């Protein structure tokens, strides 16, 4: 597969898109990432020069609802993220390839991009019976996860299943399913919980790294502050009545 070394602006040029369209995209990205307008110049500079990040997306014990949410993103559109803003090299749900050649491509990526790729994980990790309750490419998912996590720059836990274990981990948890962070240690992990997560949050986390080459600031739970810093209840016009215990 062709090496992807283009910046976002170079990719726009290849597709014969105008600088005006590029700037409008940068304005939208600045807003999506929760940044003030004064940060626009930094976003434009990063989009001009930063290499598109390689992303490997794994699926564990889950329902594919996070993928379904991701492809419904409108700010930016998921198609723009996948085709223009990142190099999504492995995702057994969204990729056209399959089978042995696809798995061979994954192992090539693990060697060629060691320490550089982003690992996105959707779903919990079943541990009982040597992980045989979730098999990927003929191997237990827990083994695939550990192998891919070893060379990742950082890990994104997409959805409540990956972040907390999800419904599979509910009592009595017959498969002994756990979160990704209970299996992987020594790596920076971003939690993007939700069942499913908000699609713009999913794309926003990747775009922050794509533009600035670093993970966004996280709260005590490991979630990105720009998306999980406030609760929807905090901006409700009825909140003061609740605080004063005035109920109608």
Protein backbone atom coordinates (compact mmCIF):
# COMPACT_ATOMS: atom_id res chain seq x y z
CA UNK A 1 0.00 0.00 0.00
CA UNK A 2 1.25 3.49 -0.82
CA UNK A 3 2.90 5.33 2.03
CA UNK A 4 0.75 8.24 3.21
CA UNK A 5 2.97 11.18 4.09
CA UNK A 6 0.70 14.02 2.98
CA UNK A 7 -0.49 16.79 5.22
CA UNK A 8 -4.13 17.80 5.17
CA UNK A 9 -3.37 20.78 2.90
CA UNK A 10 -1.38 18.64 0.43
CA UNK A 11 -4.29 16.24 0.29
CA UNK A 12 -6.65 19.14 -0.49
CA UNK A 13 -4.31 20.21 -3.30
CA UNK A 14 -4.24 16.70 -4.76
CA UNK A 15 -8.03 16.73 -4.85
CA UNK A 16 -7.98 20.20 -6.47
CA UNK A 17 -9.81 21.78 -3.54
CA UNK A 18 -9.35 25.50 -3.01
CA UNK A 19 -7.50 27.21 -0.19
CA UNK A 20 -10.83 28.76 0.75
CA UNK A 21 -12.33 25.31 1.27
CA UNK A 22 -9.27 24.34 3.28
CA UNK A 23 -9.65 27.40 5.53
CA UNK A 24 -13.34 26.72 6.06
CA UNK A 25 -12.41 23.19 7.12
CA UNK A 26 -9.86 24.53 9.59
CA UNK A 27 -12.44 26.92 11.06
CA UNK A 28 -14.85 24.00 11.54
CA UNK A 29 -12.13 21.86 13.12
CA UNK A 30 -11.22 24.63 15.55
CA UNK A 31 -14.82 24.79 16.73
CA UNK A 32 -15.22 21.01 16.90
CA UNK A 33 -12.10 20.69 19.07
CA UNK A 34 -13.55 23.20 21.54
CA UNK A 35 -10.84 25.79 20.90
CA UNK A 36 -11.28 29.58 20.89
CA UNK A 37 -11.07 31.46 17.56
CA UNK A 38 -7.58 32.68 18.51
CA UNK A 39 -6.31 29.12 17.99
CA UNK A 40 -7.27 29.13 14.30
CA UNK A 41 -3.75 30.05 13.16
CA UNK A 42 -2.32 27.08 15.08
CA UNK A 43 -4.86 24.74 13.50
CA UNK A 44 -4.06 26.07 10.01
CA UNK A 45 -0.31 25.72 10.61
CA UNK A 46 -0.72 22.15 11.83
CA UNK A 47 -3.00 21.21 8.92
CA UNK A 48 -0.41 22.68 6.54
CA UNK A 49 2.52 20.62 7.82
CA UNK A 50 1.53 17.63 10.00
CA UNK A 51 1.59 14.13 8.52
CA UNK A 52 -1.71 12.26 8.52
CA UNK A 53 -1.74 9.73 11.39
CA UNK A 54 -1.98 5.99 10.78
CA UNK A 55 -4.93 4.44 12.63
CA UNK A 56 -5.50 0.76 13.42
CA UNK A 57 -9.05 0.03 14.63
CA UNK A 58 -9.78 -3.25 16.44
CA UNK A 59 -13.12 -4.83 17.30
CA UNK A 60 -13.59 -6.92 20.43
CA UNK A 61 -16.67 -7.98 22.39
CA UNK A 62 -19.19 -5.42 21.07
CA UNK A 63 -22.13 -4.77 18.75
CA UNK A 64 -20.37 -2.51 16.17
CA UNK A 65 -22.53 0.38 17.43
CA UNK A 66 -19.46 2.61 17.81
CA UNK A 67 -18.59 2.15 14.13
CA UNK A 68 -22.21 2.89 13.28
CA UNK A 69 -22.00 6.08 15.31
CA UNK A 70 -18.65 7.07 13.76
CA UNK A 71 -19.92 6.87 10.16
CA UNK A 72 -22.75 9.26 11.11
CA UNK A 73 -20.40 12.07 12.09
CA UNK A 74 -21.30 15.32 10.32
CA UNK A 75 -18.71 17.72 11.79
CA UNK A 76 -16.54 16.63 10.08
CA UNK A 77 -18.15 13.95 7.95
CA UNK A 78 -16.74 10.49 8.64
CA UNK A 79 -15.98 10.13 4.94
CA UNK A 80 -13.79 13.25 5.09
CA UNK A 81 -11.97 11.93 8.16
CA UNK A 82 -11.28 8.51 6.61
CA UNK A 83 -10.45 9.70 3.09
CA UNK A 84 -8.79 13.05 3.74
CA UNK A 85 -7.65 13.46 7.33
CA UNK A 86 -6.26 10.14 8.63
CA UNK A 87 -4.81 6.94 7.21
CA UNK A 88 -7.27 4.31 8.46
CA UNK A 89 -5.19 1.29 7.51
CA UNK A 90 -7.01 -1.47 9.38
CA UNK A 91 -10.66 -1.79 10.40
CA UNK A 92 -12.34 -5.13 9.71
CA UNK A 93 -15.75 -3.44 9.52
CA UNK A 94 -15.03 -0.42 7.31
CA UNK A 95 -12.23 -1.84 5.15
CA UNK A 96 -12.88 -3.35 1.74
CA UNK A 97 -10.12 -5.95 2.17
CA UNK A 98 -10.52 -9.14 4.18
CA UNK A 99 -8.90 -12.49 4.90
CA UNK A 100 -5.23 -13.45 4.94
CA UNK A 101 -3.94 -10.50 2.86
CA UNK A 102 -5.68 -8.07 5.21
CA UNK A 103 -4.16 -9.71 8.30
CA UNK A 104 -0.75 -9.69 6.58
CA UNK A 105 -1.16 -5.94 6.00
CA UNK A 106 -1.84 -5.48 9.72
CA UNK A 107 1.39 -7.23 10.69
CA UNK A 108 3.32 -5.16 8.16
CA UNK A 109 1.91 -2.01 9.75
CA UNK A 110 2.91 -3.17 13.21
CA UNK A 111 6.52 -3.40 12.03
CA UNK A 112 6.73 -0.42 9.68
CA UNK A 113 4.83 2.04 11.89
CA UNK A 114 5.96 0.84 15.31
CA UNK A 115 5.51 3.59 17.88
CA UNK A 116 3.73 5.86 15.39
CA UNK A 117 0.22 4.52 14.88
CA UNK A 118 -2.95 5.25 16.84
CA UNK A 119 -4.76 2.17 18.15
CA UNK A 120 -8.53 2.55 18.38
CA UNK A 121 -10.32 -0.26 20.19
CA UNK A 122 -14.05 -0.92 20.18
CA UNK A 123 -15.46 -3.54 22.54
CA UNK A 124 -14.55 -5.32 25.75
CA UNK A 125 -11.95 -8.04 26.20
CA UNK A 126 -13.20 -11.52 27.26
CA UNK A 127 -10.59 -13.47 29.23
CA UNK A 128 -12.18 -16.77 30.22
CA UNK A 129 -11.26 -19.98 28.39
CA UNK A 130 -8.14 -18.33 27.01
CA UNK A 131 -10.18 -15.61 25.31
CA UNK A 132 -11.99 -17.96 22.93
CA UNK A 133 -15.30 -16.09 23.35
CA UNK A 134 -14.04 -13.49 20.87
CA UNK A 135 -11.83 -14.60 17.99
CA UNK A 136 -10.28 -12.28 15.36
CA UNK A 137 -8.49 -13.79 12.36
CA UNK A 138 -8.47 -17.17 14.10
CA UNK A 139 -6.85 -15.76 17.25
CA UNK A 140 -8.27 -14.71 20.63
CA UNK A 141 -8.97 -10.98 20.62
CA UNK A 142 -6.97 -10.50 23.82
CA UNK A 143 -3.82 -11.72 22.01
CA UNK A 144 -4.44 -9.44 19.01
CA UNK A 145 -5.01 -6.49 21.35
CA UNK A 146 -1.78 -7.04 23.27
CA UNK A 147 0.23 -7.41 20.06
CA UNK A 148 -1.18 -4.21 18.54
CA UNK A 149 -0.98 -2.22 21.78
CA UNK A 150 2.74 -2.93 22.17
CA UNK A 151 3.74 -0.57 19.34
CA UNK A 152 0.94 2.01 19.58
CA UNK A 153 1.66 5.69 20.20
CA UNK A 154 -1.49 5.72 22.34
CA UNK A 155 -4.83 3.95 22.58
CA UNK A 156 -8.40 5.21 22.22
CA UNK A 157 -11.11 3.19 23.99
CA UNK A 158 -14.22 3.81 21.89
CA UNK A 159 -17.51 3.14 23.66
CA UNK A 160 -18.49 1.96 27.12
CA UNK A 161 -17.54 -1.64 26.35
CA UNK A 162 -13.89 -0.75 25.69
CA UNK A 163 -13.79 1.90 28.44
CA UNK A 164 -15.59 0.07 31.26
CA UNK A 165 -16.38 -3.46 30.04
CA UNK A 166 -19.92 -2.70 28.89
CA UNK A 167 -22.99 -4.92 29.04
CA UNK A 168 -20.80 -8.00 28.55
CA UNK A 169 -19.16 -7.29 31.91
CA UNK A 170 -22.51 -7.07 33.74
CA UNK A 171 -23.17 -9.60 36.49
CA UNK A 172 -22.66 -12.55 36.24
CA UNK A 173 -20.17 -11.75 33.43
CA UNK A 174 -19.92 -15.36 32.15
CA UNK A 175 -17.04 -14.56 29.76
CA UNK A 176 -15.03 -12.50 32.29
CA UNK A 177 -15.05 -9.47 29.99
CA UNK A 178 -12.97 -6.49 31.10
CA UNK A 179 -12.04 -3.07 29.74
CA UNK A 180 -9.03 -2.51 27.49
CA UNK A 181 -7.13 -0.68 30.25
CA UNK A 182 -7.41 -3.75 32.49
CA UNK A 183 -5.44 -5.75 29.93
CA UNK A 184 -3.01 -3.14 28.55
CA UNK A 185 -0.63 -1.19 30.78
CA UNK A 186 2.19 1.26 30.21
CA UNK A 187 0.36 3.11 27.41
CA UNK A 188 -1.45 6.43 27.25
CA UNK A 189 -5.16 5.62 26.99
CA UNK A 190 -8.01 7.97 26.09
CA UNK A 191 -11.49 6.89 27.14
CA UNK A 192 -14.37 7.92 24.87
CA UNK A 193 -17.31 6.24 26.65
CA UNK A 194 -20.93 6.13 25.51
CA UNK A 195 -23.26 3.53 24.09
CA UNK A 196 -22.51 4.58 21.45
CA UNK A 197 -20.27 7.65 21.82
CA UNK A 198 -21.21 10.92 20.12
CA UNK A 199 -19.77 10.66 16.58
CA UNK A 200 -18.29 14.17 16.59
CA UNK A 201 -16.42 13.30 19.79
CA UNK A 202 -14.99 10.19 18.13
CA UNK A 203 -13.72 12.14 15.14
CA UNK A 204 -12.63 15.11 17.27
CA UNK A 205 -10.24 13.03 19.38
CA UNK A 206 -8.48 11.67 16.30
CA UNK A 207 -8.34 15.11 14.68
CA UNK A 208 -6.73 16.66 17.75
CA UNK A 209 -3.86 14.20 17.43
CA UNK A 210 -3.78 14.57 13.64
CA UNK A 211 -3.30 18.33 13.96
CA UNK A 212 -1.11 18.67 17.04
CA UNK A 213 0.67 15.32 17.35
CA UNK A 214 -0.35 14.87 20.98
CA UNK A 215 -3.34 13.64 22.92
CA UNK A 216 -5.86 16.19 24.25
CA UNK A 217 -5.96 17.11 27.96
CA UNK A 218 -7.75 14.41 29.97
CA UNK A 219 -9.89 14.46 33.11
CA UNK A 220 -9.39 12.17 36.11
CA UNK A 221 -11.31 9.40 34.33
CA UNK A 222 -9.07 9.59 31.28
CA UNK A 223 -11.67 11.33 29.08
CA UNK A 224 -10.87 14.36 26.85
CA UNK A 225 -11.79 17.50 28.78
CA UNK A 226 -13.05 19.47 25.79
CA UNK A 227 -15.85 16.94 25.31
CA UNK A 228 -16.46 15.62 28.83
CA UNK A 229 -15.65 18.71 30.89
CA UNK A 230 -19.31 19.66 31.40
CA UNK A 231 -22.51 17.72 31.85
CA UNK A 232 -25.59 18.59 29.81
CA UNK A 233 -27.38 19.13 33.14
CA UNK A 234 -24.99 21.98 33.99
CA UNK A 235 -26.42 24.13 31.17
CA UNK A 236 -30.08 23.26 31.74
CA UNK A 237 -32.19 26.33 32.53
CA UNK A 238 -33.99 24.27 35.21
CA UNK A 239 -30.74 23.45 37.05
CA UNK A 240 -31.09 26.34 39.60
CA UNK A 241 -34.50 25.00 40.67
CA UNK A 242 -32.96 21.58 41.25
CA UNK A 243 -30.09 23.05 43.26
CA UNK A 244 -32.57 24.90 45.50
CA UNK A 245 -34.74 21.77 45.71
CA UNK A 246 -37.66 23.67 44.23
CA UNK A 247 -39.77 21.12 42.41
CA UNK A 248 -43.13 21.60 40.69
